[in-house]
Amino acid sequence: MTLIKSISGIRGTIGGVVGENLTPVDAVKFASAYGTWLKNYSKKDKLVVVIGRDARISGPMIHNLVVNTLIGLGIDVIDLGLSTTPTVEIAVPLELADGGIILTASHNPKQWNALKLLNEKGEFLSGAEGAKILEIAENESFNFAEVDDLGEITSNDAFMDIHVDEVLNMSLVDVEAVKAAKFKVVVDAVNSSGGIIIPKLLEQMGVEVVKLYCEPNGHFPHNPEPLKEHLSAICELVVKEKADLGIVVDPDVDRLAFISEDGEMFGEEYTLVAVADYVLSKTPGNTVSNMSSSRALRDVTLKHGGMYESSAVGEVNVVELMKKNNAIIGGEGNGGIIYPESHYGRDSIVGAALFLTHLAHKKMKVSELRASYPQYFMSKNKIELTPQIDVDAILEAMTDKYQSEQISTIDGVKIDFAENWVHLRKSNTEPIIRIYTEAATQDLADELAQKIINEIKIIAKI
């Protein structure tokens, strides 16, 4: 099960059998479906789509297939080449384009790639729009352009610079305060496009940058998901270099994690908490995160007099609720910062600039800043799925078992206990059930997770 089709795009492993992996045929088919949907959706005579990719090894191949498929549909392409997910998102409206595609499998290992699809606002498509594209792909109802109507390619490699400039010009980014703080920062960009854009941002903020895995060659030196177990090298280097902090991003630069000066993880969950604390201190308002994110954001929001609400997991769901609640800031506990003053998408460049400003104003160490927030601890686990496992039946059984507790079934099953919570959901991007727990200590979070895992295994007869 290495080809996953969902409303947010198509994701799979390179090579193998058509329809079971992300082969060239599947890439062309899905790009054709997106382009066909866009032509029906837009009704314009001439469409423009922005394309960018991360640095993974399969990127150039998938990129050429997708670009030339759109050209074959009569759609013009603005080709950003090596880029980031948030950079493509800001480029779409700036170029007055009709849509965008980012070629990245985000935090997945190097054998994976994917097509992430955007609308004319540079935002991810709705569930209904994604479903329509899947239907078009299934039916192969494509109509390609005749020779005189083929699209054209325009290359534009300036957008990472444009993106950095836009971030530095945001009202809450205080470049002078960061320069005065004379920070030294180690950057781990897992040898993808973050190795270009993050140092570029930091250097313009007067930060001394120590680069670790910043060569965008797609050879990921460790699992690209920015979790503690994958980040021993940067944790050691931060201490060795006597740096003020470490910054870690995933291959497409929409997830952001920090390392404290003592080599300890700041905590992916607390990326959003810290940045929201700063933003809310200057512009009070509401916040949104997803159901698998820490309660700490709720606590910080209430401290600043705002209102907090959680959405179903998935960036499009967070954004939808942010718009509804007029949220000042939001995101996901995986290190995803969504700051509407810039755009409605997870953005590590925005997050890093706001965090450094916050740190400069606070005049404290990163570990001290972390200690100033409500202390919650999460355990993030998963169970690999086989085709025989009935996930819906498992979730239903868990709902029945804990029916006396506060339960939400908006997205999988979330059980809120008085002192902790557990969220069970089927992943949209991998063949797994995710099991997230949060409690007052790491031991309690781990114990709750193990208890739930054992219960699921009994139900599923694993």
Protein backbone atom coordinates (compact mmCIF):
# COMPACT_ATOMS: atom_id res chain seq x y z
CA MET A 1 0.00 0.00 0.00
CA THR A 2 2.50 2.59 -1.18
CA LEU A 3 0.23 4.75 -3.34
CA ILE A 4 -2.09 6.86 -1.23
CA LYS A 5 -4.75 8.90 -2.99
CA SER A 6 -6.50 11.42 -0.77
CA ILE A 7 -8.36 14.70 -1.06
CA SER A 8 -5.08 16.51 -0.33
CA GLY A 9 -3.20 14.96 -3.25
CA ILE A 10 -1.43 11.77 -4.26
CA ARG A 11 1.57 10.34 -2.42
CA GLY A 12 3.59 7.22 -3.02
CA THR A 13 6.92 5.47 -3.37
CA ILE A 14 8.89 5.81 -6.58
CA GLY A 15 9.12 2.81 -8.93
CA GLY A 16 7.18 -0.42 -9.01
CA VAL A 17 3.79 -1.23 -10.48
CA VAL A 18 1.40 1.34 -11.97
CA GLY A 19 -1.50 2.05 -9.64
CA GLU A 20 0.34 0.66 -6.65
CA ASN A 21 3.26 3.12 -6.48
CA LEU A 22 3.97 6.66 -7.64
CA THR A 23 5.14 5.71 -11.13
CA PRO A 24 5.54 8.15 -14.06
CA VAL A 25 2.15 6.97 -15.33
CA ASP A 26 0.48 7.81 -12.00
CA ALA A 27 2.17 11.23 -11.86
CA VAL A 28 0.96 12.09 -15.37
CA LYS A 29 -2.54 10.77 -14.66
CA PHE A 30 -2.94 12.79 -11.48
CA ALA A 31 -1.43 15.98 -12.97
CA SER A 32 -3.87 15.53 -15.88
CA ALA A 33 -6.79 15.24 -13.44
CA TYR A 34 -5.75 18.40 -11.58
CA GLY A 35 -5.29 20.37 -14.80
CA THR A 36 -8.64 19.13 -16.14
CA TRP A 37 -10.40 20.05 -12.89
CA LEU A 38 -8.77 23.50 -12.98
CA LYS A 39 -9.99 24.11 -16.54
CA ASN A 40 -13.55 23.19 -15.53
CA TYR A 41 -13.34 25.13 -12.26
CA SER A 42 -11.82 28.34 -13.62
CA LYS A 43 -13.62 28.78 -16.97
CA LYS A 44 -10.76 31.06 -18.10
CA ASP A 45 -9.35 30.78 -21.61
CA LYS A 46 -5.72 30.61 -20.47
CA LEU A 47 -4.68 29.17 -17.12
CA VAL A 48 -1.44 29.57 -15.18
CA VAL A 49 -0.12 27.13 -12.56
CA VAL A 50 2.91 27.64 -10.28
CA ILE A 51 5.14 24.57 -9.75
CA GLY A 52 7.89 24.06 -7.20
CA ARG A 53 9.65 21.03 -5.70
CA ASP A 54 11.75 20.01 -2.74
CA ALA A 55 15.24 18.54 -3.23
CA ARG A 56 14.41 14.84 -3.07
CA ILE A 57 16.16 12.63 -5.63
CA SER A 58 13.01 11.87 -7.65
CA GLY A 59 12.10 15.57 -7.80
CA PRO A 60 13.47 16.43 -11.27
CA MET A 61 11.80 13.37 -12.85
CA ILE A 62 8.37 13.99 -11.29
CA HIS A 63 8.76 17.71 -11.95
CA ASN A 64 9.34 17.20 -15.69
CA LEU A 65 6.40 14.82 -15.97
CA VAL A 66 4.00 17.17 -14.18
CA VAL A 67 5.12 20.36 -15.94
CA ASN A 68 4.88 18.81 -19.39
CA THR A 69 1.50 17.25 -18.63
CA LEU A 70 0.12 20.70 -17.79
CA ILE A 71 1.71 22.11 -20.95
CA GLY A 72 -0.05 19.33 -22.86
CA LEU A 73 -3.37 20.48 -21.40
CA GLY A 74 -2.72 24.00 -22.70
CA ILE A 75 -1.88 25.41 -19.24
CA ASP A 76 1.03 27.85 -18.77
CA VAL A 77 3.49 26.98 -16.03
CA ILE A 78 5.55 29.29 -13.82
CA ASP A 79 8.40 27.03 -12.78
CA LEU A 80 10.04 27.93 -9.45
CA GLY A 81 12.35 24.91 -9.61
CA LEU A 82 13.78 24.08 -6.18
CA SER A 83 11.44 25.69 -3.68
CA THR A 84 9.42 25.17 -0.50
CA THR A 85 5.76 24.50 0.13
CA PRO A 86 5.11 27.93 1.72
CA THR A 87 7.09 29.66 -1.05
CA VAL A 88 4.84 28.15 -3.72
CA GLU A 89 1.82 29.11 -1.61
CA ILE A 90 2.78 32.79 -1.56
CA ALA A 91 3.84 32.73 -5.23
CA VAL A 92 0.40 31.66 -6.54
CA PRO A 93 -1.48 34.88 -5.59
CA LEU A 94 1.55 37.10 -6.26
CA GLU A 95 1.67 35.72 -9.82
CA LEU A 96 -2.15 35.92 -10.15
CA ALA A 97 -2.00 32.22 -11.01
CA ASP A 98 -4.98 29.87 -11.07
CA GLY A 99 -3.38 27.18 -8.92
CA GLY A 100 -0.17 25.56 -7.78
CA ILE A 101 1.47 22.18 -7.28
CA ILE A 102 4.24 21.41 -4.80
CA LEU A 103 6.16 18.24 -5.57
CA THR A 104 7.12 16.94 -2.14
CA ALA A 105 6.34 14.07 0.18
CA SER A 106 6.98 16.44 3.11
CA HIS A 107 8.39 14.44 6.06
CA ASN A 108 8.33 11.03 4.29
CA PRO A 109 11.67 9.27 3.55
CA LYS A 110 13.54 9.69 0.27
CA GLN A 111 11.76 6.90 -1.66
CA TRP A 112 8.49 8.86 -1.43
CA ASN A 113 7.21 11.78 -3.47
CA ALA A 114 3.84 13.48 -3.86
CA LEU A 115 1.78 16.14 -5.60
CA LYS A 116 0.30 18.71 -3.20
CA LEU A 117 -2.42 20.77 -4.88
CA LEU A 118 -3.32 24.44 -4.37
CA ASN A 119 -6.15 26.71 -5.47
CA GLU A 120 -5.88 30.27 -6.82
CA LYS A 121 -5.34 31.63 -3.28
CA GLY A 122 -2.31 29.41 -2.77
CA GLU A 123 -4.25 27.31 -0.25
CA PHE A 124 -4.93 23.58 -0.18
CA LEU A 125 -8.07 22.38 -1.91
CA SER A 126 -11.28 21.57 -0.06
CA GLY A 127 -12.37 17.97 0.46
CA ALA A 128 -15.02 18.27 -2.24
CA GLU A 129 -12.50 19.66 -4.76
CA GLY A 130 -10.00 16.92 -3.97
CA ALA A 131 -12.69 14.27 -4.34
CA LYS A 132 -13.61 15.66 -7.78
CA ILE A 133 -9.98 15.41 -8.93
CA LEU A 134 -9.81 11.79 -7.76
CA GLU A 135 -12.97 11.08 -9.75
CA ILE A 136 -11.52 12.70 -12.90
CA ALA A 137 -8.32 10.65 -12.47
CA GLU A 138 -10.30 7.43 -12.01
CA ASN A 139 -12.35 8.06 -15.16
CA GLU A 140 -9.36 9.38 -17.13
CA SER A 141 -11.64 12.04 -18.58
CA PHE A 142 -8.86 14.21 -20.00
CA ASN A 143 -8.91 16.40 -23.11
CA PHE A 144 -5.47 17.58 -24.15
CA ALA A 145 -4.67 20.72 -26.16
CA GLU A 146 -3.95 20.79 -29.87
CA VAL A 147 -0.47 21.77 -31.05
CA ASP A 148 -1.18 25.50 -31.45
CA ASP A 149 -2.70 25.68 -27.97
CA LEU A 150 0.04 24.07 -25.89
CA GLY A 151 1.07 25.87 -22.72
CA GLU A 152 4.37 27.66 -22.14
CA ILE A 153 6.94 27.47 -19.34
CA THR A 154 8.33 30.54 -17.57
CA SER A 155 11.15 29.92 -15.10
CA ASN A 156 11.38 32.12 -12.00
CA ASP A 157 13.97 31.30 -9.35
CA ALA A 158 13.52 34.56 -7.40
CA PHE A 159 10.69 33.49 -5.13
CA MET A 160 12.75 32.22 -2.20
CA ASP A 161 14.29 35.72 -2.02
CA ILE A 162 10.84 37.30 -2.40
CA HIS A 163 9.53 35.06 0.38
CA VAL A 164 12.35 36.06 2.77
CA ASP A 165 11.77 39.76 1.99
CA GLU A 166 8.04 39.40 2.70
CA VAL A 167 8.74 37.75 6.06
CA LEU A 168 11.30 40.37 7.09
CA ASN A 169 8.77 43.11 6.29
CA MET A 170 6.04 41.65 8.52
CA SER A 171 4.94 44.05 11.26
CA LEU A 172 5.83 41.74 14.16
CA VAL A 173 9.29 40.74 12.87
CA ASP A 174 11.88 42.93 14.62
CA VAL A 175 15.07 42.53 12.61
CA GLU A 176 16.99 45.13 14.62
CA ALA A 177 16.23 43.39 17.93
CA VAL A 178 17.43 40.06 16.51
CA LYS A 179 20.59 41.66 15.12
CA ALA A 180 21.30 43.23 18.53
CA ALA A 181 20.91 39.81 20.22
CA LYS A 182 23.81 38.40 18.14
CA PHE A 183 22.36 34.90 18.02
CA LYS A 184 24.32 31.87 16.85
CA VAL A 185 22.09 29.20 15.31
CA VAL A 186 22.71 25.69 13.96
CA VAL A 187 20.44 24.74 11.02
CA ASP A 188 19.54 21.16 10.03
CA ALA A 189 17.64 21.25 6.74
CA VAL A 190 17.92 17.51 5.97
CA ASN A 191 19.72 18.33 2.68
CA SER A 192 16.66 19.87 1.06
CA SER A 193 15.51 23.36 0.06
CA GLY A 194 15.40 24.60 3.65
CA GLY A 195 19.19 24.57 3.43
CA ILE A 196 18.90 27.53 1.08
CA ILE A 197 16.04 29.58 2.49
CA ILE A 198 16.54 29.27 6.27
CA PRO A 199 20.22 30.41 6.27
CA LYS A 200 19.23 33.19 3.84
CA LEU A 201 16.60 34.43 6.31
CA LEU A 202 18.86 34.15 9.34
CA GLU A 203 21.82 35.89 7.74
CA GLN A 204 19.61 38.85 6.79
CA MET A 205 18.55 39.01 10.47
CA GLY A 206 22.20 39.26 11.55
CA VAL A 207 22.37 35.69 12.88
CA GLU A 208 25.59 33.65 12.79
CA VAL A 209 24.63 30.43 10.99
CA VAL A 210 26.23 27.01 11.43
CA LYS A 211 25.01 24.75 8.62
CA LEU A 212 24.32 21.05 9.17
CA TYR A 213 22.87 19.04 6.27
CA CYS A 214 22.09 22.17 4.24
CA GLU A 215 23.25 20.87 0.83
CA PRO A 216 20.03 20.48 -1.24
CA ASN A 217 20.96 17.17 -2.87
CA GLY A 218 18.04 15.06 -1.61
CA HIS A 219 20.24 12.58 0.24
CA PHE A 220 18.52 12.76 3.62
CA PRO A 221 21.14 12.03 6.32
CA HIS A 222 18.45 10.91 8.78
CA ASN A 223 14.71 10.28 8.81
CA PRO A 224 13.35 13.65 7.62
CA GLU A 225 10.55 13.86 10.18
CA PRO A 226 11.84 16.41 12.76
CA LEU A 227 11.38 14.22 15.85
CA LYS A 228 13.79 13.84 18.78
CA GLU A 229 14.93 10.33 17.83
CA HIS A 230 16.16 11.60 14.44
CA LEU A 231 18.00 14.72 15.63
CA SER A 232 20.94 13.57 17.75
CA ALA A 233 23.51 15.20 15.41
CA ILE A 234 22.12 18.73 15.70
CA CYS A 235 21.50 18.36 19.45
CA GLU A 236 25.20 17.54 19.90
CA LEU A 237 26.36 20.28 17.52
CA VAL A 238 24.34 23.02 19.26
CA VAL A 239 26.19 22.26 22.51
CA LYS A 240 29.58 21.86 20.80
CA GLU A 241 29.20 25.18 18.95
CA LYS A 242 27.88 26.93 22.08
CA ALA A 243 24.97 28.05 19.89
CA ASP A 244 21.89 29.84 21.22
CA LEU A 245 19.59 27.37 19.52
CA GLY A 246 19.12 24.92 16.68
CA ILE A 247 16.52 25.16 13.91
CA VAL A 248 15.26 22.04 12.14
CA VAL A 249 12.92 21.93 9.13
CA ASP A 250 11.51 19.08 7.07
CA PRO A 251 12.22 18.70 3.30
CA ASP A 252 9.48 21.12 2.14
CA VAL A 253 9.96 23.58 5.04
CA ASP A 254 6.43 23.65 6.46
CA ARG A 255 7.39 22.00 9.77
CA LEU A 256 9.65 23.73 12.28
CA ALA A 257 11.40 22.43 15.40
CA PHE A 258 13.85 24.10 17.78
CA ILE A 259 16.74 22.78 19.86
CA SER A 260 17.51 24.60 23.13
CA GLU A 261 21.02 25.82 23.90
CA ASP A 262 21.55 22.78 26.17
CA GLY A 263 20.96 20.35 23.28
CA GLU A 264 17.45 19.42 24.42
CA MET A 265 14.39 19.51 22.19
CA PHE A 266 12.23 22.61 22.63
CA GLY A 267 9.39 20.33 21.54
CA GLU A 268 7.62 20.41 18.17
CA GLU A 269 4.34 21.06 19.99
CA TYR A 270 5.80 24.17 21.61
CA THR A 271 6.89 25.78 18.33
CA LEU A 272 3.31 27.01 17.81
CA VAL A 273 2.83 27.74 21.52
CA ALA A 274 5.86 30.05 21.71
CA VAL A 275 5.16 31.87 18.45
CA ALA A 276 1.47 32.28 19.39
CA ASP A 277 2.48 33.66 22.79
CA TYR A 278 4.51 36.38 21.07
CA VAL A 279 1.89 37.19 18.43
CA LEU A 280 -0.97 37.30 20.98
CA SER A 281 1.06 39.57 23.28
CA LYS A 282 1.14 42.15 20.46
CA THR A 283 -2.20 41.44 18.74
CA PRO A 284 -4.67 39.67 21.07
CA GLY A 285 -7.18 37.36 19.41
CA ASN A 286 -8.27 33.79 18.82
CA THR A 287 -6.27 30.68 17.94
CA VAL A 288 -6.88 27.30 16.33
CA SER A 289 -4.90 24.07 16.24
CA ASN A 290 -5.87 20.51 15.42
CA MET A 291 -7.13 17.85 17.80
CA SER A 292 -3.74 16.14 18.02
CA SER A 293 -2.04 19.31 19.27
CA SER A 294 -1.08 20.25 22.82
CA ARG A 295 -3.44 21.83 25.36
CA ALA A 296 -0.67 24.38 25.97
CA LEU A 297 -1.91 26.55 23.08
CA ARG A 298 -5.33 26.73 24.73
CA ASP A 299 -3.72 27.83 28.01
CA VAL A 300 -1.59 30.53 26.35
CA THR A 301 -4.56 31.81 24.35
CA LEU A 302 -6.75 32.10 27.45
CA LYS A 303 -3.91 33.92 29.23
CA HIS A 304 -4.03 36.60 26.53
CA GLY A 305 -7.85 36.83 26.67
CA GLY A 306 -8.50 34.98 23.41
CA MET A 307 -10.63 32.01 22.46
CA TYR A 308 -9.20 28.63 21.42
CA GLU A 309 -10.86 25.93 19.34
CA SER A 310 -9.55 22.69 17.81
CA SER A 311 -10.24 21.39 14.31
CA ALA A 312 -9.96 18.03 12.60
CA VAL A 313 -6.39 17.12 11.63
CA GLY A 314 -5.27 18.50 8.28
CA GLU A 315 -4.11 21.94 7.25
CA VAL A 316 -7.25 22.67 5.21
CA ASN A 317 -9.39 21.98 8.31
CA VAL A 318 -7.27 24.24 10.53
CA VAL A 319 -7.43 27.04 7.94
CA GLU A 320 -11.20 26.71 7.55
CA LEU A 321 -11.74 27.06 11.31
CA MET A 322 -9.20 29.89 11.55
CA LYS A 323 -11.17 31.86 8.97
CA LYS A 324 -14.46 31.11 10.72
CA ASN A 325 -13.09 32.20 14.13
CA ASN A 326 -11.02 35.09 12.73
CA ALA A 327 -7.96 33.54 14.39
CA ILE A 328 -4.83 35.69 14.67
CA ILE A 329 -2.58 32.64 14.51
CA GLY A 330 -3.00 28.89 14.30
CA GLY A 331 -1.39 25.73 13.08
CA GLU A 332 -0.58 22.18 13.96
CA GLY A 333 1.40 20.66 16.82
CA ASN A 334 3.85 19.08 14.37
CA GLY A 335 5.67 22.43 14.17
CA GLY A 336 3.34 23.99 11.61
CA ILE A 337 2.80 27.76 12.02
CA ILE A 338 -0.07 29.40 10.11
CA TYR A 339 0.05 33.20 10.34
CA PRO A 340 -2.64 34.86 8.20
CA GLU A 341 -0.80 38.21 7.96
CA SER A 342 1.55 36.33 5.63
CA HIS A 343 -0.71 33.61 4.19
CA TYR A 344 -2.96 30.70 5.16
CA GLY A 345 -0.35 27.94 5.06
CA ARG A 346 2.18 26.32 7.40
CA ASP A 347 5.40 28.29 7.08
CA SER A 348 8.72 27.64 8.83
CA ILE A 349 10.24 30.85 7.47
CA VAL A 350 7.51 32.91 9.14
CA GLY A 351 7.77 30.80 12.31
CA ALA A 352 11.56 31.15 12.60
CA ALA A 353 11.46 34.96 12.18
CA LEU A 354 8.70 35.39 14.78
CA PHE A 355 10.40 33.00 17.24
CA LEU A 356 13.76 34.80 17.00
CA THR A 357 12.01 38.14 17.54
CA HIS A 358 10.23 36.72 20.60
CA LEU A 359 13.52 35.36 21.98
CA ALA A 360 15.31 38.67 21.36
CA HIS A 361 12.59 40.64 23.16
CA LYS A 362 12.47 38.19 26.10
CA LYS A 363 16.26 38.32 26.55
CA MET A 364 16.29 34.77 27.93
CA LYS A 365 17.74 31.42 26.96
CA VAL A 366 15.65 29.06 24.84
CA SER A 367 15.46 26.56 27.71
CA GLU A 368 14.16 29.33 30.02
CA LEU A 369 11.53 30.30 27.48
CA ARG A 370 10.41 26.66 27.21
CA ALA A 371 10.18 26.39 31.00
CA SER A 372 7.89 29.44 31.11
CA TYR A 373 5.07 27.57 29.33
CA PRO A 374 2.51 25.09 30.74
CA GLN A 375 4.23 21.72 31.02
CA TYR A 376 2.55 19.00 29.02
CA PHE A 377 4.16 15.90 27.58
CA MET A 378 3.07 13.98 24.51
CA SER A 379 3.58 10.46 23.28
CA LYS A 380 3.18 9.98 19.53
CA ASN A 381 2.81 6.38 18.43
CA LYS A 382 1.48 4.45 15.48
CA ILE A 383 0.29 0.97 14.56
CA GLU A 384 1.11 -0.32 11.07
CA LEU A 385 -2.01 -1.36 9.17
CA THR A 386 -2.63 -4.45 7.09
CA PRO A 387 -5.54 -4.76 4.64
CA GLN A 388 -7.26 -7.17 7.05
CA ILE A 389 -7.58 -4.58 9.84
CA ASP A 390 -10.98 -2.84 10.03
CA VAL A 391 -10.00 0.61 11.35
CA ASP A 392 -13.56 1.90 11.60
CA ALA A 393 -14.55 -1.09 13.75
CA ILE A 394 -11.58 -0.44 16.05
CA LEU A 395 -12.47 3.24 16.48
CA GLU A 396 -16.12 2.35 17.11
CA ALA A 397 -15.11 -0.19 19.77
CA MET A 398 -12.88 2.38 21.51
CA THR A 399 -15.73 4.93 21.42
CA ASP A 400 -18.05 2.43 23.11
CA LYS A 401 -15.42 1.49 25.70
CA TYR A 402 -14.92 5.13 26.77
CA GLN A 403 -18.44 6.45 26.21
CA SER A 404 -18.57 7.89 29.76
CA GLU A 405 -15.69 10.28 28.92
CA GLN A 406 -15.75 13.45 26.78
CA ILE A 407 -15.46 12.15 23.22
CA SER A 408 -15.17 13.80 19.81
CA THR A 409 -15.56 11.83 16.58
CA ILE A 410 -15.00 14.76 14.20
CA ASP A 411 -11.70 13.17 13.20
CA GLY A 412 -11.13 9.61 14.34
CA VAL A 413 -11.76 9.39 18.09
CA LYS A 414 -10.49 11.87 20.68
CA ILE A 415 -11.06 10.96 24.31
CA ASP A 416 -10.61 13.85 26.76
CA PHE A 417 -9.95 12.70 30.31
CA ALA A 418 -9.72 15.23 33.18
CA GLU A 419 -5.91 15.25 33.30
CA ASN A 420 -4.94 13.90 29.87
CA TRP A 421 -6.22 12.91 26.44
CA VAL A 422 -5.78 10.40 23.64
CA HIS A 423 -6.46 10.89 19.92
CA LEU A 424 -6.79 7.91 17.58
CA ARG A 425 -7.00 8.43 13.84
CA LYS A 426 -6.18 6.80 10.55
CA SER A 427 -3.42 8.71 8.76
CA ASN A 428 -4.19 10.36 5.42
CA THR A 429 -0.58 10.05 4.29
CA GLU A 430 0.65 6.67 5.58
CA PRO A 431 -0.93 3.20 6.09
CA ILE A 432 -1.04 3.55 9.90
CA ILE A 433 -3.26 4.40 12.87
CA ARG A 434 -1.81 7.33 14.82
CA ILE A 435 -2.11 7.25 18.60
CA TYR A 436 -1.34 10.57 20.29
CA THR A 437 -1.54 11.07 24.06
CA GLU A 438 -0.80 14.03 26.32
CA ALA A 439 -0.37 14.16 30.10
CA ALA A 440 1.37 16.04 32.91
CA THR A 441 4.53 13.89 32.67
CA GLN A 442 6.22 11.89 29.92
CA ASP A 443 5.80 8.67 31.90
CA LEU A 444 2.05 9.21 32.23
CA ALA A 445 1.72 10.04 28.50
CA ASP A 446 3.70 6.92 27.57
CA GLU A 447 1.71 4.74 29.98
CA LEU A 448 -1.61 5.97 28.58
CA ALA A 449 -0.37 5.36 25.02
CA GLN A 450 0.75 1.81 25.84
CA LYS A 451 -2.56 1.07 27.55
CA ILE A 452 -4.51 2.24 24.47
CA ILE A 453 -2.19 0.37 22.07
CA ASN A 454 -2.70 -2.86 24.02
CA GLU A 455 -6.48 -2.37 23.96
CA ILE A 456 -6.43 -1.79 20.18
CA LYS A 457 -4.31 -4.90 19.65
CA ILE A 458 -6.81 -6.99 21.62
CA ILE A 459 -9.73 -5.58 19.60
CA ALA A 460 -7.90 -6.06 16.27
CA LYS A 461 -6.49 -9.44 17.31
CA ILE A 462 -3.00 -8.35 16.30
